[in-house]
Protein backbone atom coordinates (compact mmCIF):
# COMPACT_ATOMS: atom_id res chain seq x y z
CA UNK A 1 0.10 -0.14 0.01
CA UNK A 2 0.95 3.66 -0.91
CA UNK A 3 0.77 6.44 1.79
CA UNK A 4 -1.66 9.21 0.71
CA UNK A 5 0.30 12.60 0.70
CA UNK A 6 -1.56 15.46 2.21
CA UNK A 7 -0.21 19.14 1.76
CA UNK A 8 1.32 20.64 5.04
CA UNK A 9 -1.14 23.03 6.90
CA UNK A 10 -0.31 26.63 6.58
CA UNK A 11 1.31 28.03 9.57
CA UNK A 12 -0.38 31.93 8.87
CA UNK A 13 -3.75 32.42 10.23
CA UNK A 14 -6.38 33.13 7.73
CA UNK A 15 -7.15 36.62 8.98
CA UNK A 16 -3.64 37.92 8.07
CA UNK A 17 -3.41 38.93 4.53
CA UNK A 18 -0.17 38.73 2.43
CA UNK A 19 0.61 42.44 3.76
CA UNK A 20 1.12 41.23 7.37
CA UNK A 21 -1.60 43.44 8.82
CA UNK A 22 -4.41 41.76 10.42
CA UNK A 23 -7.46 42.42 8.40
CA UNK A 24 -10.14 44.67 10.41
CA UNK A 25 -13.80 43.34 9.82
CA UNK A 26 -14.54 46.96 8.49
CA UNK A 27 -12.03 46.64 5.85
CA UNK A 28 -14.83 45.19 3.59
CA UNK A 29 -16.59 48.59 3.78
CA UNK A 30 -15.71 51.20 1.21
CA UNK A 31 -14.47 54.65 2.63
CA UNK A 32 -18.02 56.14 1.94
CA UNK A 33 -19.68 53.34 4.03
CA UNK A 34 -17.45 53.65 6.80
CA UNK A 35 -17.83 57.70 6.81
CA UNK A 36 -21.81 56.94 6.76
CA UNK A 37 -21.49 54.44 9.28
CA UNK A 38 -19.22 57.01 11.65
CA UNK A 39 -21.93 59.63 11.44
CA UNK A 40 -24.80 57.17 12.11
CA UNK A 41 -22.94 56.30 15.01
CA UNK A 42 -22.73 59.36 16.25
CA UNK A 43 -26.46 59.73 16.28
CA UNK A 44 -26.85 61.83 13.12
CA UNK A 45 -29.86 61.41 11.35
CA UNK A 46 -30.03 60.73 7.45
CA UNK A 47 -30.89 64.03 6.27
CA UNK A 48 -28.23 65.49 8.47
CA UNK A 49 -25.41 62.73 7.15
CA UNK A 50 -26.80 63.53 3.40
CA UNK A 51 -26.06 67.43 4.07
CA UNK A 52 -22.62 66.82 5.65
CA UNK A 53 -21.56 64.38 2.71
CA UNK A 54 -23.50 66.35 -0.07
CA UNK A 55 -25.44 63.29 -0.96
CA UNK A 56 -28.97 62.51 -1.34
CA UNK A 57 -30.96 61.16 1.61
CA UNK A 58 -31.64 57.99 -0.33
CA UNK A 59 -28.08 57.58 -1.23
CA UNK A 60 -27.16 57.59 2.48
CA UNK A 61 -29.93 55.09 3.18
CA UNK A 62 -28.52 53.00 0.66
CA UNK A 63 -25.14 53.00 2.02
CA UNK A 64 -26.67 52.02 5.40
CA UNK A 65 -28.60 49.08 3.93
CA UNK A 66 -26.02 47.81 1.90
CA UNK A 67 -23.55 47.77 5.06
CA UNK A 68 -26.27 45.97 7.00
CA UNK A 69 -26.72 43.53 4.09
CA UNK A 70 -22.98 42.65 3.51
CA UNK A 71 -22.43 42.78 7.29
CA UNK A 72 -25.42 40.50 8.18
CA UNK A 73 -26.64 42.94 10.36
CA UNK A 74 -30.66 43.91 10.68
CA UNK A 75 -31.07 47.05 12.48
CA UNK A 76 -29.39 50.34 13.12
CA UNK A 77 -28.55 49.42 16.66
CA UNK A 78 -26.70 46.47 15.23
CA UNK A 79 -24.65 48.67 12.85
CA UNK A 80 -23.64 50.91 15.67
CA UNK A 81 -22.80 48.15 18.01
CA UNK A 82 -20.55 46.76 15.07
CA UNK A 83 -19.08 50.30 14.56
CA UNK A 84 -18.04 50.28 18.30
CA UNK A 85 -16.70 46.93 18.59
CA UNK A 86 -14.38 47.19 15.70
CA UNK A 87 -13.03 50.38 16.87
CA UNK A 88 -14.33 52.67 13.77
CA UNK A 89 -15.78 54.91 16.39
CA UNK A 90 -15.53 55.08 20.27
CA UNK A 91 -18.15 54.39 22.63
């Protein structure tokens, strides 16, 4: 009988990209989404965020719902908690 050869396991953790910098969970958000998230976490209303970022209210809402979808979150409260837990904003 011949032995079955299996590849050696990788020594690098899966969460460390080639650059050597640990990947932060919010890295998957765009710069614009991170900006919107910071303002949401500050307690700003959609209308205020739109004025600050020179966007329409609908565009801000779209960014919010896209972030929630991509992160698997279901409420604004979860989105704010995510921002705090990842260090995107301070509590």
